[in-house]
Structure formats: structure tokens, C-alpha cells
């Protein structure tokens, strides 16, 4: 198993450039393009920036409504997977605890 490592500033800049070019919903396409220079998989390319502020608010309200029924929530956010939304939620919760 490969050891996890933090994103370096240069890697982050490259990721942002790909997101700007391909859009925030194309994580798998972005990870394929980044394969050689960064050797990252699509999961590591997911970030809080993957959702627009409007989508983030929608996830928050649907989470209140449906609790942990991520499949229902996913239907409301086109282009996202159940796993990516639940991962986003975990990161969001951790950030809220730090505030």
C-alpha cells in the first residue's frame, strides 16, 4: 500500500489548473491527466472545492432532511457520487469543529 502524503503547493496549483480546464465534476478525467506528473487517484482529487456554494448548501439541507441516506442526497447533485458526497461531508464536519 502506498503511503499517504499531503498535497504540495505545486501539486495543488496543478490540480487547480486542471479543475479550471475540465470543471470540478470531472475528478476521474482530472486524475487521468495528472497520472504521470502527480500519480494521484481520483479520490485524492476530490476536495471541498468540488461543490459550488449552492451545491454545498443543498447537501447541508438534504443531510438534515435525509440524515445518512446518501443515495437520496446524491440524486440532487448531478455528477457527484455517493462516496464523494459523504467524503465531502466528513471534511466539512472536521472544518466546522475547528471553527
C-alpha atoms as a PDB file:
ATOM      1  CA  UNK A   1       0.000   0.000   0.000  1.00  0.00           C
ATOM      2  CA  UNK A   2       1.243   3.442  -0.909  1.00  0.00           C
ATOM      3  CA  UNK A   3       1.891   5.857   1.951  1.00  0.00           C
ATOM      4  CA  UNK A   4      -0.437   8.840   2.025  1.00  0.00           C
ATOM      5  CA  UNK A   5       1.153  12.219   1.735  1.00  0.00           C
ATOM      6  CA  UNK A   6      -0.023  15.793   1.870  1.00  0.00           C
ATOM      7  CA  UNK A   7      -0.504  17.772  -1.306  1.00  0.00           C
ATOM      8  CA  UNK A   8       2.436  20.041  -2.014  1.00  0.00           C
ATOM      9  CA  UNK A   9       1.780  23.657  -3.143  1.00  0.00           C
ATOM     10  CA  UNK A  10       2.990  22.844  -6.690  1.00  0.00           C
ATOM     11  CA  UNK A  11       0.627  19.866  -6.859  1.00  0.00           C
ATOM     12  CA  UNK A  12      -2.248  21.985  -5.594  1.00  0.00           C
ATOM     13  CA  UNK A  13      -1.604  24.598  -8.304  1.00  0.00           C
ATOM     14  CA  UNK A  14      -1.590  21.892 -10.985  1.00  0.00           C
ATOM     15  CA  UNK A  15      -4.837  20.429  -9.654  1.00  0.00           C
ATOM     16  CA  UNK A  16      -6.485  23.868  -9.709  1.00  0.00           C
ATOM     17  CA  UNK A  17      -5.343  24.359 -13.304  1.00  0.00           C
ATOM     18  CA  UNK A  18      -6.925  21.036 -14.340  1.00  0.00           C
ATOM     19  CA  UNK A  19     -10.152  21.836 -12.484  1.00  0.00           C
ATOM     20  CA  UNK A  20     -10.298  25.194 -14.252  1.00  0.00           C
ATOM     21  CA  UNK A  21      -9.793  23.446 -17.607  1.00  0.00           C
ATOM     22  CA  UNK A  22     -12.075  20.407 -17.152  1.00  0.00           C
ATOM     23  CA  UNK A  23     -14.507  21.547 -14.459  1.00  0.00           C
ATOM     24  CA  UNK A  24     -14.962  20.451 -10.847  1.00  0.00           C
ATOM     25  CA  UNK A  25     -17.130  17.425 -11.656  1.00  0.00           C
ATOM     26  CA  UNK A  26     -14.532  15.593 -13.752  1.00  0.00           C
ATOM     27  CA  UNK A  27     -12.433  14.056 -10.961  1.00  0.00           C
ATOM     28  CA  UNK A  28     -11.690  10.864 -12.869  1.00  0.00           C
ATOM     29  CA  UNK A  29     -10.674  12.723 -16.027  1.00  0.00           C
ATOM     30  CA  UNK A  30      -8.507  15.061 -13.976  1.00  0.00           C
ATOM     31  CA  UNK A  31      -6.788  12.183 -12.189  1.00  0.00           C
ATOM     32  CA  UNK A  32      -6.059  10.501 -15.542  1.00  0.00           C
ATOM     33  CA  UNK A  33      -4.459  13.694 -16.845  1.00  0.00           C
ATOM     34  CA  UNK A  34      -2.484  14.098 -13.644  1.00  0.00           C
ATOM     35  CA  UNK A  35      -1.390  10.451 -13.561  1.00  0.00           C
ATOM     36  CA  UNK A  36       2.187  10.953 -14.753  1.00  0.00           C
ATOM     37  CA  UNK A  37       3.141  14.206 -13.023  1.00  0.00           C
ATOM     38  CA  UNK A  38       1.421  13.543  -9.688  1.00  0.00           C
ATOM     39  CA  UNK A  39       0.470   9.868  -9.542  1.00  0.00           C
ATOM     40  CA  UNK A  40      -2.765  10.637  -7.683  1.00  0.00           C
ATOM     41  CA  UNK A  41      -6.036   8.787  -7.934  1.00  0.00           C
ATOM     42  CA  UNK A  42      -9.436  10.369  -8.414  1.00  0.00           C
ATOM     43  CA  UNK A  43     -10.340  10.116  -4.727  1.00  0.00           C
ATOM     44  CA  UNK A  44      -7.405  12.272  -3.748  1.00  0.00           C
ATOM     45  CA  UNK A  45      -8.506  14.913  -6.256  1.00  0.00           C
ATOM     46  CA  UNK A  46     -11.852  15.387  -4.539  1.00  0.00           C
ATOM     47  CA  UNK A  47     -11.994  18.470  -2.372  1.00  0.00           C
ATOM     48  CA  UNK A  48     -14.411  20.896  -0.814  1.00  0.00           C
ATOM     49  CA  UNK A  49     -13.939  22.961  -3.957  1.00  0.00           C
ATOM     50  CA  UNK A  50     -15.639  20.188  -5.910  1.00  0.00           C
ATOM     51  CA  UNK A  51     -19.039  21.583  -4.959  1.00  0.00           C
ATOM     52  CA  UNK A  52     -20.341  25.028  -5.699  1.00  0.00           C
ATOM     53  CA  UNK A  53     -21.567  27.047  -2.691  1.00  0.00           C
ATOM     54  CA  UNK A  54     -25.135  26.424  -3.865  1.00  0.00           C
ATOM     55  CA  UNK A  55     -24.495  22.658  -4.001  1.00  0.00           C
ATOM     56  CA  UNK A  56     -22.838  22.756  -0.590  1.00  0.00           C
ATOM     57  CA  UNK A  57     -25.914  24.439   0.916  1.00  0.00           C
ATOM     58  CA  UNK A  58     -28.145  21.888  -0.809  1.00  0.00           C
ATOM     59  CA  UNK A  59     -26.125  18.985   0.632  1.00  0.00           C
ATOM     60  CA  UNK A  60     -26.326  20.510   4.102  1.00  0.00           C
ATOM     61  CA  UNK A  61     -30.110  20.939   3.906  1.00  0.00           C
ATOM     62  CA  UNK A  62     -30.648  17.472   2.416  1.00  0.00           C
ATOM     63  CA  UNK A  63     -28.400  15.947   5.075  1.00  0.00           C
ATOM     64  CA  UNK A  64     -30.711  17.481   7.699  1.00  0.00           C
ATOM     65  CA  UNK A  65     -33.709  16.054   5.857  1.00  0.00           C
ATOM     66  CA  UNK A  66     -32.418  12.560   4.953  1.00  0.00           C
ATOM     67  CA  UNK A  67     -29.721  12.052   7.605  1.00  0.00           C
ATOM     68  CA  UNK A  68     -27.242   9.455   6.219  1.00  0.00           C
ATOM     69  CA  UNK A  69     -29.231   8.381   3.169  1.00  0.00           C
ATOM     70  CA  UNK A  70     -26.510   9.458   0.756  1.00  0.00           C
ATOM     71  CA  UNK A  71     -28.130   7.850  -2.293  1.00  0.00           C
ATOM     72  CA  UNK A  72     -31.118  10.180  -1.945  1.00  0.00           C
ATOM     73  CA  UNK A  73     -28.855  13.178  -1.475  1.00  0.00           C
ATOM     74  CA  UNK A  74     -26.722  12.183  -4.477  1.00  0.00           C
ATOM     75  CA  UNK A  75     -29.725  12.313  -6.820  1.00  0.00           C
ATOM     76  CA  UNK A  76     -29.997  16.049  -6.147  1.00  0.00           C
ATOM     77  CA  UNK A  77     -26.348  16.778  -7.070  1.00  0.00           C
ATOM     78  CA  UNK A  78     -25.671  15.704 -10.677  1.00  0.00           C
ATOM     79  CA  UNK A  79     -22.170  14.457 -11.409  1.00  0.00           C
ATOM     80  CA  UNK A  80     -21.362  13.501  -7.825  1.00  0.00           C
ATOM     81  CA  UNK A  81     -21.085  10.037  -6.380  1.00  0.00           C
ATOM     82  CA  UNK A  82     -22.436   8.856  -3.058  1.00  0.00           C
ATOM     83  CA  UNK A  83     -18.893   8.293  -1.849  1.00  0.00           C
ATOM     84  CA  UNK A  84     -17.664  11.727  -2.921  1.00  0.00           C
ATOM     85  CA  UNK A  85     -20.541  13.483  -1.140  1.00  0.00           C
ATOM     86  CA  UNK A  86     -20.105  11.510   2.063  1.00  0.00           C
ATOM     87  CA  UNK A  87     -16.363  12.247   1.922  1.00  0.00           C
ATOM     88  CA  UNK A  88     -17.098  15.950   1.376  1.00  0.00           C
ATOM     89  CA  UNK A  89     -19.426  15.843   4.401  1.00  0.00           C
ATOM     90  CA  UNK A  90     -16.721  14.339   6.622  1.00  0.00           C
ATOM     91  CA  UNK A  91     -14.231  17.049   5.612  1.00  0.00           C
ATOM     92  CA  UNK A  92     -16.907  19.722   6.091  1.00  0.00           C
ATOM     93  CA  UNK A  93     -17.684  18.455   9.623  1.00  0.00           C
ATOM     94  CA  UNK A  94     -13.996  18.449  10.580  1.00  0.00           C
ATOM     95  CA  UNK A  95     -13.616  22.031   9.365  1.00  0.00           C
ATOM     96  CA  UNK A  96     -16.689  23.105  11.338  1.00  0.00           C
ATOM     97  CA  UNK A  97     -15.252  21.586  14.532  1.00  0.00           C
ATOM     98  CA  UNK A  98     -12.078  23.643  14.106  1.00  0.00           C
ATOM     99  CA  UNK A  99     -14.036  26.924  13.954  1.00  0.00           C
END
